[in-house]
Amino acid sequence: AEPLLPLWLACLTAVAGGIALMTGFPSSD
């Protein structure tokens, strides 16, 4: 398999993923 995203976009996606992960927990919940 080849990468779905170029590295720069994968890094930005990982940032968005980390923020979304956190927002699922209280107090944002």
mmCIF file of all heavy atoms, coordinates in Angstrom:
data_MODEL
# 
_entry.id   MODEL 
# 
loop_
_atom_site.group_PDB 
_atom_site.id 
_atom_site.type_symbol 
_atom_site.label_atom_id 
_atom_site.label_alt_id 
_atom_site.label_comp_id 
_atom_site.label_asym_id 
_atom_site.label_entity_id 
_atom_site.label_seq_id 
_atom_site.pdbx_PDB_ins_code 
_atom_site.Cartn_x 
_atom_site.Cartn_y 
_atom_site.Cartn_z 
_atom_site.occupancy 
_atom_site.B_iso_or_equiv 
_atom_site.pdbx_formal_charge 
_atom_site.auth_seq_id 
_atom_site.auth_comp_id 
_atom_site.auth_asym_id 
_atom_site.auth_atom_id 
_atom_site.pdbx_PDB_model_num 
ATOM 1   N N   . ALA A 1 1  ? 0.837   -1.205 0.000  1.00 0.00 ? 1  ALA A N   1 
ATOM 2   C CA  . ALA A 1 1  ? 0.000   0.000  0.000  1.00 0.00 ? 1  ALA A CA  1 
ATOM 3   C C   . ALA A 1 1  ? 0.869   1.251  0.000  1.00 0.00 ? 1  ALA A C   1 
ATOM 4   O O   . ALA A 1 1  ? 1.921   1.299  0.652  1.00 0.00 ? 1  ALA A O   1 
ATOM 5   C CB  . ALA A 1 1  ? -0.915  -0.001 1.207  1.00 0.00 ? 1  ALA A CB  1 
ATOM 6   N N   . GLU A 1 2  ? 0.408   2.241  -0.724 1.00 0.00 ? 2  GLU A N   1 
ATOM 7   C CA  . GLU A 1 2  ? 1.058   3.548  -0.739 1.00 0.00 ? 2  GLU A CA  1 
ATOM 8   C C   . GLU A 1 2  ? 0.278   4.498  0.169  1.00 0.00 ? 2  GLU A C   1 
ATOM 9   O O   . GLU A 1 2  ? -0.918  4.295  0.417  1.00 0.00 ? 2  GLU A O   1 
ATOM 10  C CB  . GLU A 1 2  ? 1.113   4.098  -2.164 1.00 0.00 ? 2  GLU A CB  1 
ATOM 11  C CG  . GLU A 1 2  ? 1.993   3.287  -3.102 1.00 0.00 ? 2  GLU A CG  1 
ATOM 12  C CD  . GLU A 1 2  ? 3.440   3.237  -2.642 1.00 0.00 ? 2  GLU A CD  1 
ATOM 13  O OE1 . GLU A 1 2  ? 3.920   4.261  -2.104 1.00 0.00 ? 2  GLU A OE1 1 
ATOM 14  O OE2 . GLU A 1 2  ? 4.079   2.184  -2.799 1.00 0.00 ? 2  GLU A OE2 1 
ATOM 15  N N   . PRO A 1 3  ? 0.916   5.544  0.677  1.00 0.00 ? 3  PRO A N   1 
ATOM 16  C CA  . PRO A 1 3  ? 0.217   6.471  1.576  1.00 0.00 ? 3  PRO A CA  1 
ATOM 17  C C   . PRO A 1 3  ? -1.015  7.090  0.930  1.00 0.00 ? 3  PRO A C   1 
ATOM 18  O O   . PRO A 1 3  ? -0.986  7.470  -0.242 1.00 0.00 ? 3  PRO A O   1 
ATOM 19  C CB  . PRO A 1 3  ? 1.280   7.526  1.885  1.00 0.00 ? 3  PRO A CB  1 
ATOM 20  C CG  . PRO A 1 3  ? 2.585   6.832  1.668  1.00 0.00 ? 3  PRO A CG  1 
ATOM 21  C CD  . PRO A 1 3  ? 2.353   5.877  0.540  1.00 0.00 ? 3  PRO A CD  1 
ATOM 22  N N   . LEU A 1 4  ? -2.075  7.177  1.696  1.00 0.00 ? 4  LEU A N   1 
ATOM 23  C CA  . LEU A 1 4  ? -3.273  7.861  1.214  1.00 0.00 ? 4  LEU A CA  1 
ATOM 24  C C   . LEU A 1 4  ? -3.054  9.363  1.141  1.00 0.00 ? 4  LEU A C   1 
ATOM 25  O O   . LEU A 1 4  ? -3.633  10.047 0.287  1.00 0.00 ? 4  LEU A O   1 
ATOM 26  C CB  . LEU A 1 4  ? -4.450  7.578  2.154  1.00 0.00 ? 4  LEU A CB  1 
ATOM 27  C CG  . LEU A 1 4  ? -5.104  6.198  2.096  1.00 0.00 ? 4  LEU A CG  1 
ATOM 28  C CD1 . LEU A 1 4  ? -6.259  6.140  3.089  1.00 0.00 ? 4  LEU A CD1 1 
ATOM 29  C CD2 . LEU A 1 4  ? -5.606  5.890  0.689  1.00 0.00 ? 4  LEU A CD2 1 
ATOM 30  N N   . LEU A 1 5  ? -2.229  9.890  2.049  1.00 0.00 ? 5  LEU A N   1 
ATOM 31  C CA  . LEU A 1 5  ? -2.039  11.329 2.168  1.00 0.00 ? 5  LEU A CA  1 
ATOM 32  C C   . LEU A 1 5  ? -0.563  11.675 2.051  1.00 0.00 ? 5  LEU A C   1 
ATOM 33  O O   . LEU A 1 5  ? 0.290   10.919 2.551  1.00 0.00 ? 5  LEU A O   1 
ATOM 34  C CB  . LEU A 1 5  ? -2.561  11.818 3.527  1.00 0.00 ? 5  LEU A CB  1 
ATOM 35  C CG  . LEU A 1 5  ? -4.013  11.464 3.901  1.00 0.00 ? 5  LEU A CG  1 
ATOM 36  C CD1 . LEU A 1 5  ? -4.293  11.871 5.340  1.00 0.00 ? 5  LEU A CD1 1 
ATOM 37  C CD2 . LEU A 1 5  ? -4.991  12.136 2.953  1.00 0.00 ? 5  LEU A CD2 1 
ATOM 38  N N   . PRO A 1 6  ? -0.240  12.796 1.438  1.00 0.00 ? 6  PRO A N   1 
ATOM 39  C CA  . PRO A 1 6  ? 1.147   13.261 1.504  1.00 0.00 ? 6  PRO A CA  1 
ATOM 40  C C   . PRO A 1 6  ? 1.521   13.552 2.958  1.00 0.00 ? 6  PRO A C   1 
ATOM 41  O O   . PRO A 1 6  ? 0.652   13.796 3.801  1.00 0.00 ? 6  PRO A O   1 
ATOM 42  C CB  . PRO A 1 6  ? 1.143   14.528 0.653  1.00 0.00 ? 6  PRO A CB  1 
ATOM 43  C CG  . PRO A 1 6  ? -0.285  14.973 0.613  1.00 0.00 ? 6  PRO A CG  1 
ATOM 44  C CD  . PRO A 1 6  ? -1.109  13.730 0.693  1.00 0.00 ? 6  PRO A CD  1 
ATOM 45  N N   . LEU A 1 7  ? 2.807   13.546 3.237  1.00 0.00 ? 7  LEU A N   1 
ATOM 46  C CA  . LEU A 1 7  ? 3.248   13.645 4.622  1.00 0.00 ? 7  LEU A CA  1 
ATOM 47  C C   . LEU A 1 7  ? 2.738   14.912 5.298  1.00 0.00 ? 7  LEU A C   1 
ATOM 48  O O   . LEU A 1 7  ? 2.288   14.857 6.455  1.00 0.00 ? 7  LEU A O   1 
ATOM 49  C CB  . LEU A 1 7  ? 4.785   13.592 4.681  1.00 0.00 ? 7  LEU A CB  1 
ATOM 50  C CG  . LEU A 1 7  ? 5.390   13.633 6.086  1.00 0.00 ? 7  LEU A CG  1 
ATOM 51  C CD1 . LEU A 1 7  ? 4.855   12.511 6.953  1.00 0.00 ? 7  LEU A CD1 1 
ATOM 52  C CD2 . LEU A 1 7  ? 6.919   13.586 6.012  1.00 0.00 ? 7  LEU A CD2 1 
ATOM 53  N N   . TRP A 1 8  ? 2.785   16.024 4.620  1.00 0.00 ? 8  TRP A N   1 
ATOM 54  C CA  . TRP A 1 8  ? 2.339   17.272 5.258  1.00 0.00 ? 8  TRP A CA  1 
ATOM 55  C C   . TRP A 1 8  ? 0.858   17.212 5.635  1.00 0.00 ? 8  TRP A C   1 
ATOM 56  O O   . TRP A 1 8  ? 0.458   17.665 6.710  1.00 0.00 ? 8  TRP A O   1 
ATOM 57  C CB  . TRP A 1 8  ? 2.603   18.478 4.342  1.00 0.00 ? 8  TRP A CB  1 
ATOM 58  C CG  . TRP A 1 8  ? 1.758   18.518 3.085  1.00 0.00 ? 8  TRP A CG  1 
ATOM 59  C CD1 . TRP A 1 8  ? 2.061   17.987 1.876  1.00 0.00 ? 8  TRP A CD1 1 
ATOM 60  C CD2 . TRP A 1 8  ? 0.450   19.103 2.956  1.00 0.00 ? 8  TRP A CD2 1 
ATOM 61  N NE1 . TRP A 1 8  ? 1.051   18.194 0.976  1.00 0.00 ? 8  TRP A NE1 1 
ATOM 62  C CE2 . TRP A 1 8  ? 0.045   18.895 1.608  1.00 0.00 ? 8  TRP A CE2 1 
ATOM 63  C CE3 . TRP A 1 8  ? -0.405  19.797 3.799  1.00 0.00 ? 8  TRP A CE3 1 
ATOM 64  C CZ2 . TRP A 1 8  ? -1.176  19.325 1.114  1.00 0.00 ? 8  TRP A CZ2 1 
ATOM 65  C CZ3 . TRP A 1 8  ? -1.632  20.240 3.323  1.00 0.00 ? 8  TRP A CZ3 1 
ATOM 66  C CH2 . TRP A 1 8  ? -1.999  20.004 2.000  1.00 0.00 ? 8  TRP A CH2 1 
ATOM 67  N N   . LEU A 1 9  ? 0.059   16.595 4.749  1.00 0.00 ? 9  LEU A N   1 
ATOM 68  C CA  . LEU A 1 9  ? -1.369  16.499 5.035  1.00 0.00 ? 9  LEU A CA  1 
ATOM 69  C C   . LEU A 1 9  ? -1.635  15.442 6.115  1.00 0.00 ? 9  LEU A C   1 
ATOM 70  O O   . LEU A 1 9  ? -2.542  15.607 6.948  1.00 0.00 ? 9  LEU A O   1 
ATOM 71  C CB  . LEU A 1 9  ? -2.135  16.156 3.759  1.00 0.00 ? 9  LEU A CB  1 
ATOM 72  C CG  . LEU A 1 9  ? -3.662  16.113 3.878  1.00 0.00 ? 9  LEU A CG  1 
ATOM 73  C CD1 . LEU A 1 9  ? -4.207  17.421 4.439  1.00 0.00 ? 9  LEU A CD1 1 
ATOM 74  C CD2 . LEU A 1 9  ? -4.294  15.798 2.518  1.00 0.00 ? 9  LEU A CD2 1 
ATOM 75  N N   . ALA A 1 10 ? -0.824  14.388 6.128  1.00 0.00 ? 10 ALA A N   1 
ATOM 76  C CA  . ALA A 1 10 ? -0.966  13.371 7.178  1.00 0.00 ? 10 ALA A CA  1 
ATOM 77  C C   . ALA A 1 10 ? -0.678  13.976 8.551  1.00 0.00 ? 10 ALA A C   1 
ATOM 78  O O   . ALA A 1 10 ? -1.353  13.651 9.537  1.00 0.00 ? 10 ALA A O   1 
ATOM 79  C CB  . ALA A 1 10 ? -0.036  12.196 6.895  1.00 0.00 ? 10 ALA A CB  1 
ATOM 80  N N   . CYS A 1 11 ? 0.314   14.854 8.617  1.00 0.00 ? 11 CYS A N   1 
ATOM 81  C CA  . CYS A 1 11 ? 0.630   15.508 9.897  1.00 0.00 ? 11 CYS A CA  1 
ATOM 82  C C   . CYS A 1 11 ? -0.527  16.394 10.361 1.00 0.00 ? 11 CYS A C   1 
ATOM 83  O O   . CYS A 1 11 ? -0.892  16.388 11.548 1.00 0.00 ? 11 CYS A O   1 
ATOM 84  C CB  . CYS A 1 11 ? 1.911   16.315 9.768  1.00 0.00 ? 11 CYS A CB  1 
ATOM 85  S SG  . CYS A 1 11 ? 3.403   15.307 9.544  1.00 0.00 ? 11 CYS A SG  1 
ATOM 86  N N   . LEU A 1 12 ? -1.100  17.152 9.424  1.00 0.00 ? 12 LEU A N   1 
ATOM 87  C CA  . LEU A 1 12 ? -2.251  17.985 9.786  1.00 0.00 ? 12 LEU A CA  1 
ATOM 88  C C   . LEU A 1 12 ? -3.448  17.130 10.188 1.00 0.00 ? 12 LEU A C   1 
ATOM 89  O O   . LEU A 1 12 ? -4.195  17.479 11.121 1.00 0.00 ? 12 LEU A O   1 
ATOM 90  C CB  . LEU A 1 12 ? -2.628  18.885 8.608  1.00 0.00 ? 12 LEU A CB  1 
ATOM 91  C CG  . LEU A 1 12 ? -1.645  20.002 8.252  1.00 0.00 ? 12 LEU A CG  1 
ATOM 92  C CD1 . LEU A 1 12 ? -2.143  20.783 7.034  1.00 0.00 ? 12 LEU A CD1 1 
ATOM 93  C CD2 . LEU A 1 12 ? -1.442  20.939 9.434  1.00 0.00 ? 12 LEU A CD2 1 
ATOM 94  N N   . THR A 1 13 ? -3.634  16.010 9.511  1.00 0.00 ? 13 THR A N   1 
ATOM 95  C CA  . THR A 1 13 ? -4.732  15.103 9.851  1.00 0.00 ? 13 THR A CA  1 
ATOM 96  C C   . THR A 1 13 ? -4.530  14.521 11.245 1.00 0.00 ? 13 THR A C   1 
ATOM 97  O O   . THR A 1 13 ? -5.494  14.367 12.015 1.00 0.00 ? 13 THR A O   1 
ATOM 98  C CB  . THR A 1 13 ? -4.835  13.979 8.809  1.00 0.00 ? 13 THR A CB  1 
ATOM 99  O OG1 . THR A 1 13 ? -5.032  14.552 7.515  1.00 0.00 ? 13 THR A OG1 1 
ATOM 100 C CG2 . THR A 1 13 ? -5.980  13.033 9.120  1.00 0.00 ? 13 THR A CG2 1 
ATOM 101 N N   . ALA A 1 14 ? -3.277  14.202 11.582 1.00 0.00 ? 14 ALA A N   1 
ATOM 102 C CA  . ALA A 1 14 ? -2.983  13.681 12.915 1.00 0.00 ? 14 ALA A CA  1 
ATOM 103 C C   . ALA A 1 14 ? -3.268  14.729 13.990 1.00 0.00 ? 14 ALA A C   1 
ATOM 104 O O   . ALA A 1 14 ? -3.765  14.397 15.080 1.00 0.00 ? 14 ALA A O   1 
ATOM 105 C CB  . ALA A 1 14 ? -1.532  13.232 12.990 1.00 0.00 ? 14 ALA A CB  1 
ATOM 106 N N   . VAL A 1 15 ? -2.968  15.991 13.709 1.00 0.00 ? 15 VAL A N   1 
ATOM 107 C CA  . VAL A 1 15 ? -3.299  17.071 14.654 1.00 0.00 ? 15 VAL A CA  1 
ATOM 108 C C   . VAL A 1 15 ? -4.810  17.137 14.864 1.00 0.00 ? 15 VAL A C   1 
ATOM 109 O O   . VAL A 1 15 ? -5.304  17.198 15.995 1.00 0.00 ? 15 VAL A O   1 
ATOM 110 C CB  . VAL A 1 15 ? -2.759  18.420 14.147 1.00 0.00 ? 15 VAL A CB  1 
ATOM 111 C CG1 . VAL A 1 15 ? -3.311  19.563 14.991 1.00 0.00 ? 15 VAL A CG1 1 
ATOM 112 C CG2 . VAL A 1 15 ? -1.237  18.429 14.186 1.00 0.00 ? 15 VAL A CG2 1 
ATOM 113 N N   . ALA A 1 16 ? -5.548  17.117 13.754 1.00 0.00 ? 16 ALA A N   1 
ATOM 114 C CA  . ALA A 1 16 ? -7.006  17.147 13.856 1.00 0.00 ? 16 ALA A CA  1 
ATOM 115 C C   . ALA A 1 16 ? -7.525  15.924 14.608 1.00 0.00 ? 16 ALA A C   1 
ATOM 116 O O   . ALA A 1 16 ? -8.465  16.021 15.416 1.00 0.00 ? 16 ALA A O   1 
ATOM 117 C CB  . ALA A 1 16 ? -7.625  17.215 12.461 1.00 0.00 ? 16 ALA A CB  1 
ATOM 118 N N   . GLY A 1 17 ? -6.902  14.770 14.367 1.00 0.00 ? 17 GLY A N   1 
ATOM 119 C CA  . GLY A 1 17 ? -7.301  13.561 15.064 1.00 0.00 ? 17 GLY A CA  1 
ATOM 120 C C   . GLY A 1 17 ? -7.054  13.640 16.553 1.00 0.00 ? 17 GLY A C   1 
ATOM 121 O O   . GLY A 1 17 ? -7.898  13.221 17.363 1.00 0.00 ? 17 GLY A O   1 
ATOM 122 N N   . GLY A 1 18 ? -5.916  14.198 16.952 1.00 0.00 ? 18 GLY A N   1 
ATOM 123 C CA  . GLY A 1 18 ? -5.620  14.339 18.375 1.00 0.00 ? 18 GLY A CA  1 
ATOM 124 C C   . GLY A 1 18 ? -6.601  15.269 19.070 1.00 0.00 ? 18 GLY A C   1 
ATOM 125 O O   . GLY A 1 18 ? -7.052  14.985 20.192 1.00 0.00 ? 18 GLY A O   1 
ATOM 126 N N   . ILE A 1 19 ? -6.969  16.358 18.400 1.00 0.00 ? 19 ILE A N   1 
ATOM 127 C CA  . ILE A 1 19 ? -7.925  17.296 18.983 1.00 0.00 ? 19 ILE A CA  1 
ATOM 128 C C   . ILE A 1 19 ? -9.305  16.642 19.097 1.00 0.00 ? 19 ILE A C   1 
ATOM 129 O O   . ILE A 1 19 ? -10.001 16.782 20.112 1.00 0.00 ? 19 ILE A O   1 
ATOM 130 C CB  . ILE A 1 19 ? -7.995  18.583 18.147 1.00 0.00 ? 19 ILE A CB  1 
ATOM 131 C CG1 . ILE A 1 19 ? -6.660  19.338 18.244 1.00 0.00 ? 19 ILE A CG1 1 
ATOM 132 C CG2 . ILE A 1 19 ? -9.144  19.468 18.583 1.00 0.00 ? 19 ILE A CG2 1 
ATOM 133 C CD1 . ILE A 1 19 ? -6.548  20.519 17.306 1.00 0.00 ? 19 ILE A CD1 1 
ATOM 134 N N   . ALA A 1 20 ? -9.710  15.926 18.060 1.00 0.00 ? 20 ALA A N   1 
ATOM 135 C CA  . ALA A 1 20 ? -11.016 15.258 18.099 1.00 0.00 ? 20 ALA A CA  1 
ATOM 136 C C   . ALA A 1 20 ? -11.054 14.194 19.184 1.00 0.00 ? 20 ALA A C   1 
ATOM 137 O O   . ALA A 1 20 ? -12.045 14.070 19.912 1.00 0.00 ? 20 ALA A O   1 
ATOM 138 C CB  . ALA A 1 20 ? -11.324 14.647 16.734 1.00 0.00 ? 20 ALA A CB  1 
ATOM 139 N N   . LEU A 1 21 ? -9.971  13.425 19.305 1.00 0.00 ? 21 LEU A N   1 
ATOM 140 C CA  . LEU A 1 21 ? -9.893  12.421 20.375 1.00 0.00 ? 21 LEU A CA  1 
ATOM 141 C C   . LEU A 1 21 ? -10.118 13.072 21.735 1.00 0.00 ? 21 LEU A C   1 
ATOM 142 O O   . LEU A 1 21 ? -10.891 12.577 22.565 1.00 0.00 ? 21 LEU A O   1 
ATOM 143 C CB  . LEU A 1 21 ? -8.519  11.743 20.356 1.00 0.00 ? 21 LEU A CB  1 
ATOM 144 C CG  . LEU A 1 21 ? -8.334  10.458 19.565 1.00 0.00 ? 21 LEU A CG  1 
ATOM 145 C CD1 . LEU A 1 21 ? -6.884  10.013 19.644 1.00 0.00 ? 21 LEU A CD1 1 
ATOM 146 C CD2 . LEU A 1 21 ? -9.247  9.350  20.059 1.00 0.00 ? 21 LEU A CD2 1 
ATOM 147 N N   . MET A 1 22 ? -9.420  14.159 21.993 1.00 0.00 ? 22 MET A N   1 
ATOM 148 C CA  . MET A 1 22 ? -9.529  14.848 23.279 1.00 0.00 ? 22 MET A CA  1 
ATOM 149 C C   . MET A 1 22 ? -10.943 15.371 23.514 1.00 0.00 ? 22 MET A C   1 
ATOM 150 O O   . MET A 1 22 ? -11.482 15.278 24.621 1.00 0.00 ? 22 MET A O   1 
ATOM 151 C CB  . MET A 1 22 ? -8.518  16.002 23.315 1.00 0.00 ? 22 MET A CB  1 
ATOM 152 C CG  . MET A 1 22 ? -8.536  16.836 24.589 1.00 0.00 ? 22 MET A CG  1 
ATOM 153 S SD  . MET A 1 22 ? -9.771  18.188 24.589 1.00 0.00 ? 22 MET A SD  1 
ATOM 154 C CE  . MET A 1 22 ? -9.213  19.162 23.194 1.00 0.00 ? 22 MET A CE  1 
ATOM 155 N N   . THR A 1 23 ? -11.581 15.887 22.457 1.00 0.00 ? 23 THR A N   1 
ATOM 156 C CA  . THR A 1 23 ? -12.887 16.511 22.608 1.00 0.00 ? 23 THR A CA  1 
ATOM 157 C C   . THR A 1 23 ? -13.965 15.488 22.945 1.00 0.00 ? 23 THR A C   1 
ATOM 158 O O   . THR A 1 23 ? -15.023 15.844 23.460 1.00 0.00 ? 23 THR A O   1 
ATOM 159 C CB  . THR A 1 23 ? -13.254 17.280 21.331 1.00 0.00 ? 23 THR A CB  1 
ATOM 160 O OG1 . THR A 1 23 ? -12.159 18.130 20.971 1.00 0.00 ? 23 THR A OG1 1 
ATOM 161 C CG2 . THR A 1 23 ? -14.481 18.145 21.528 1.00 0.00 ? 23 THR A CG2 1 
ATOM 162 N N   . GLY A 1 24 ? -13.700 14.229 22.688 1.00 0.00 ? 24 GLY A N   1 
ATOM 163 C CA  . GLY A 1 24 ? -14.660 13.198 23.061 1.00 0.00 ? 24 GLY A CA  1 
ATOM 164 C C   . GLY A 1 24 ? -14.736 12.937 24.547 1.00 0.00 ? 24 GLY A C   1 
ATOM 165 O O   . GLY A 1 24 ? -15.706 12.338 25.034 1.00 0.00 ? 24 GLY A O   1 
ATOM 166 N N   . PHE A 1 25 ? -13.735 13.377 25.305 1.00 0.00 ? 25 PHE A N   1 
ATOM 167 C CA  . PHE A 1 25 ? -13.700 13.158 26.747 1.00 0.00 ? 25 PHE A CA  1 
ATOM 168 C C   . PHE A 1 25 ? -14.374 14.325 27.472 1.00 0.00 ? 25 PHE A C   1 
ATOM 169 O O   . PHE A 1 25 ? -14.490 15.425 26.929 1.00 0.00 ? 25 PHE A O   1 
ATOM 170 C CB  . PHE A 1 25 ? -12.253 13.038 27.229 1.00 0.00 ? 25 PHE A CB  1 
ATOM 171 C CG  . PHE A 1 25 ? -11.583 11.753 26.835 1.00 0.00 ? 25 PHE A CG  1 
ATOM 172 C CD1 . PHE A 1 25 ? -11.067 11.566 25.558 1.00 0.00 ? 25 PHE A CD1 1 
ATOM 173 C CD2 . PHE A 1 25 ? -11.443 10.720 27.751 1.00 0.00 ? 25 PHE A CD2 1 
ATOM 174 C CE1 . PHE A 1 25 ? -10.449 10.383 25.196 1.00 0.00 ? 25 PHE A CE1 1 
ATOM 175 C CE2 . PHE A 1 25 ? -10.819 9.528  27.401 1.00 0.00 ? 25 PHE A CE2 1 
ATOM 176 C CZ  . PHE A 1 25 ? -10.328 9.360  26.117 1.00 0.00 ? 25 PHE A CZ  1 
ATOM 177 N N   . PRO A 1 26 ? -14.808 14.113 28.736 1.00 0.00 ? 26 PRO A N   1 
ATOM 178 C CA  . PRO A 1 26 ? -15.296 15.237 29.536 1.00 0.00 ? 26 PRO A CA  1 
ATOM 179 C C   . PRO A 1 26 ? -14.184 16.271 29.693 1.00 0.00 ? 26 PRO A C   1 
ATOM 180 O O   . PRO A 1 26 ? -13.004 15.907 29.695 1.00 0.00 ? 26 PRO A O   1 
ATOM 181 C CB  . PRO A 1 26 ? -15.642 14.592 30.878 1.00 0.00 ? 26 PRO A CB  1 
ATOM 182 C CG  . PRO A 1 26 ? -15.830 13.142 30.576 1.00 0.00 ? 26 PRO A CG  1 
ATOM 183 C CD  . PRO A 1 26 ? -14.888 12.840 29.458 1.00 0.00 ? 26 PRO A CD  1 
ATOM 184 N N   . SER A 1 27 ? -14.514 17.563 29.803 1.00 0.00 ? 27 SER A N   1 
ATOM 185 C CA  . SER A 1 27 ? -15.851 18.082 29.955 1.00 0.00 ? 27 SER A CA  1 
ATOM 186 C C   . SER A 1 27 ? -16.585 18.332 28.645 1.00 0.00 ? 27 SER A C   1 
ATOM 187 O O   . SER A 1 27 ? -17.816 18.504 28.642 1.00 0.00 ? 27 SER A O   1 
ATOM 188 C CB  . SER A 1 27 ? -15.794 19.400 30.737 1.00 0.00 ? 27 SER A CB  1 
ATOM 189 O OG  . SER A 1 27 ? -15.013 20.353 30.030 1.00 0.00 ? 27 SER A OG  1 
ATOM 190 N N   . SER A 1 28 ? -15.878 18.381 27.516 1.00 0.00 ? 28 SER A N   1 
ATOM 191 C CA  . SER A 1 28 ? -16.573 18.565 26.237 1.00 0.00 ? 28 SER A CA  1 
ATOM 192 C C   . SER A 1 28 ? -17.561 17.432 26.020 1.00 0.00 ? 28 SER A C   1 
ATOM 193 O O   . SER A 1 28 ? -18.715 17.642 25.656 1.00 0.00 ? 28 SER A O   1 
ATOM 194 C CB  . SER A 1 28 ? -15.564 18.620 25.094 1.00 0.00 ? 28 SER A CB  1 
ATOM 195 O OG  . SER A 1 28 ? -14.681 19.695 25.252 1.00 0.00 ? 28 SER A OG  1 
ATOM 196 N N   . ASP A 1 29 ? -17.092 16.194 26.206 1.00 0.00 ? 29 ASP A N   1 
ATOM 197 C CA  . ASP A 1 29 ? -17.968 15.024 26.256 1.00 0.00 ? 29 ASP A CA  1 
ATOM 198 C C   . ASP A 1 29 ? -18.762 14.826 24.974 1.00 0.00 ? 29 ASP A C   1 
ATOM 199 O O   . ASP A 1 29 ? -19.889 14.335 25.009 1.00 0.00 ? 29 ASP A O   1 
ATOM 200 C CB  . ASP A 1 29 ? -18.911 15.127 27.458 1.00 0.00 ? 29 ASP A CB  1 
ATOM 201 C CG  . ASP A 1 29 ? -19.332 13.755 27.977 1.00 0.00 ? 29 ASP A CG  1 
ATOM 202 O OD1 . ASP A 1 29 ? -18.612 12.774 27.691 1.00 0.00 ? 29 ASP A OD1 1 
ATOM 203 O OD2 . ASP A 1 29 ? -20.351 13.666 28.661 1.00 0.00 ? 29 ASP A OD2 1 
# 
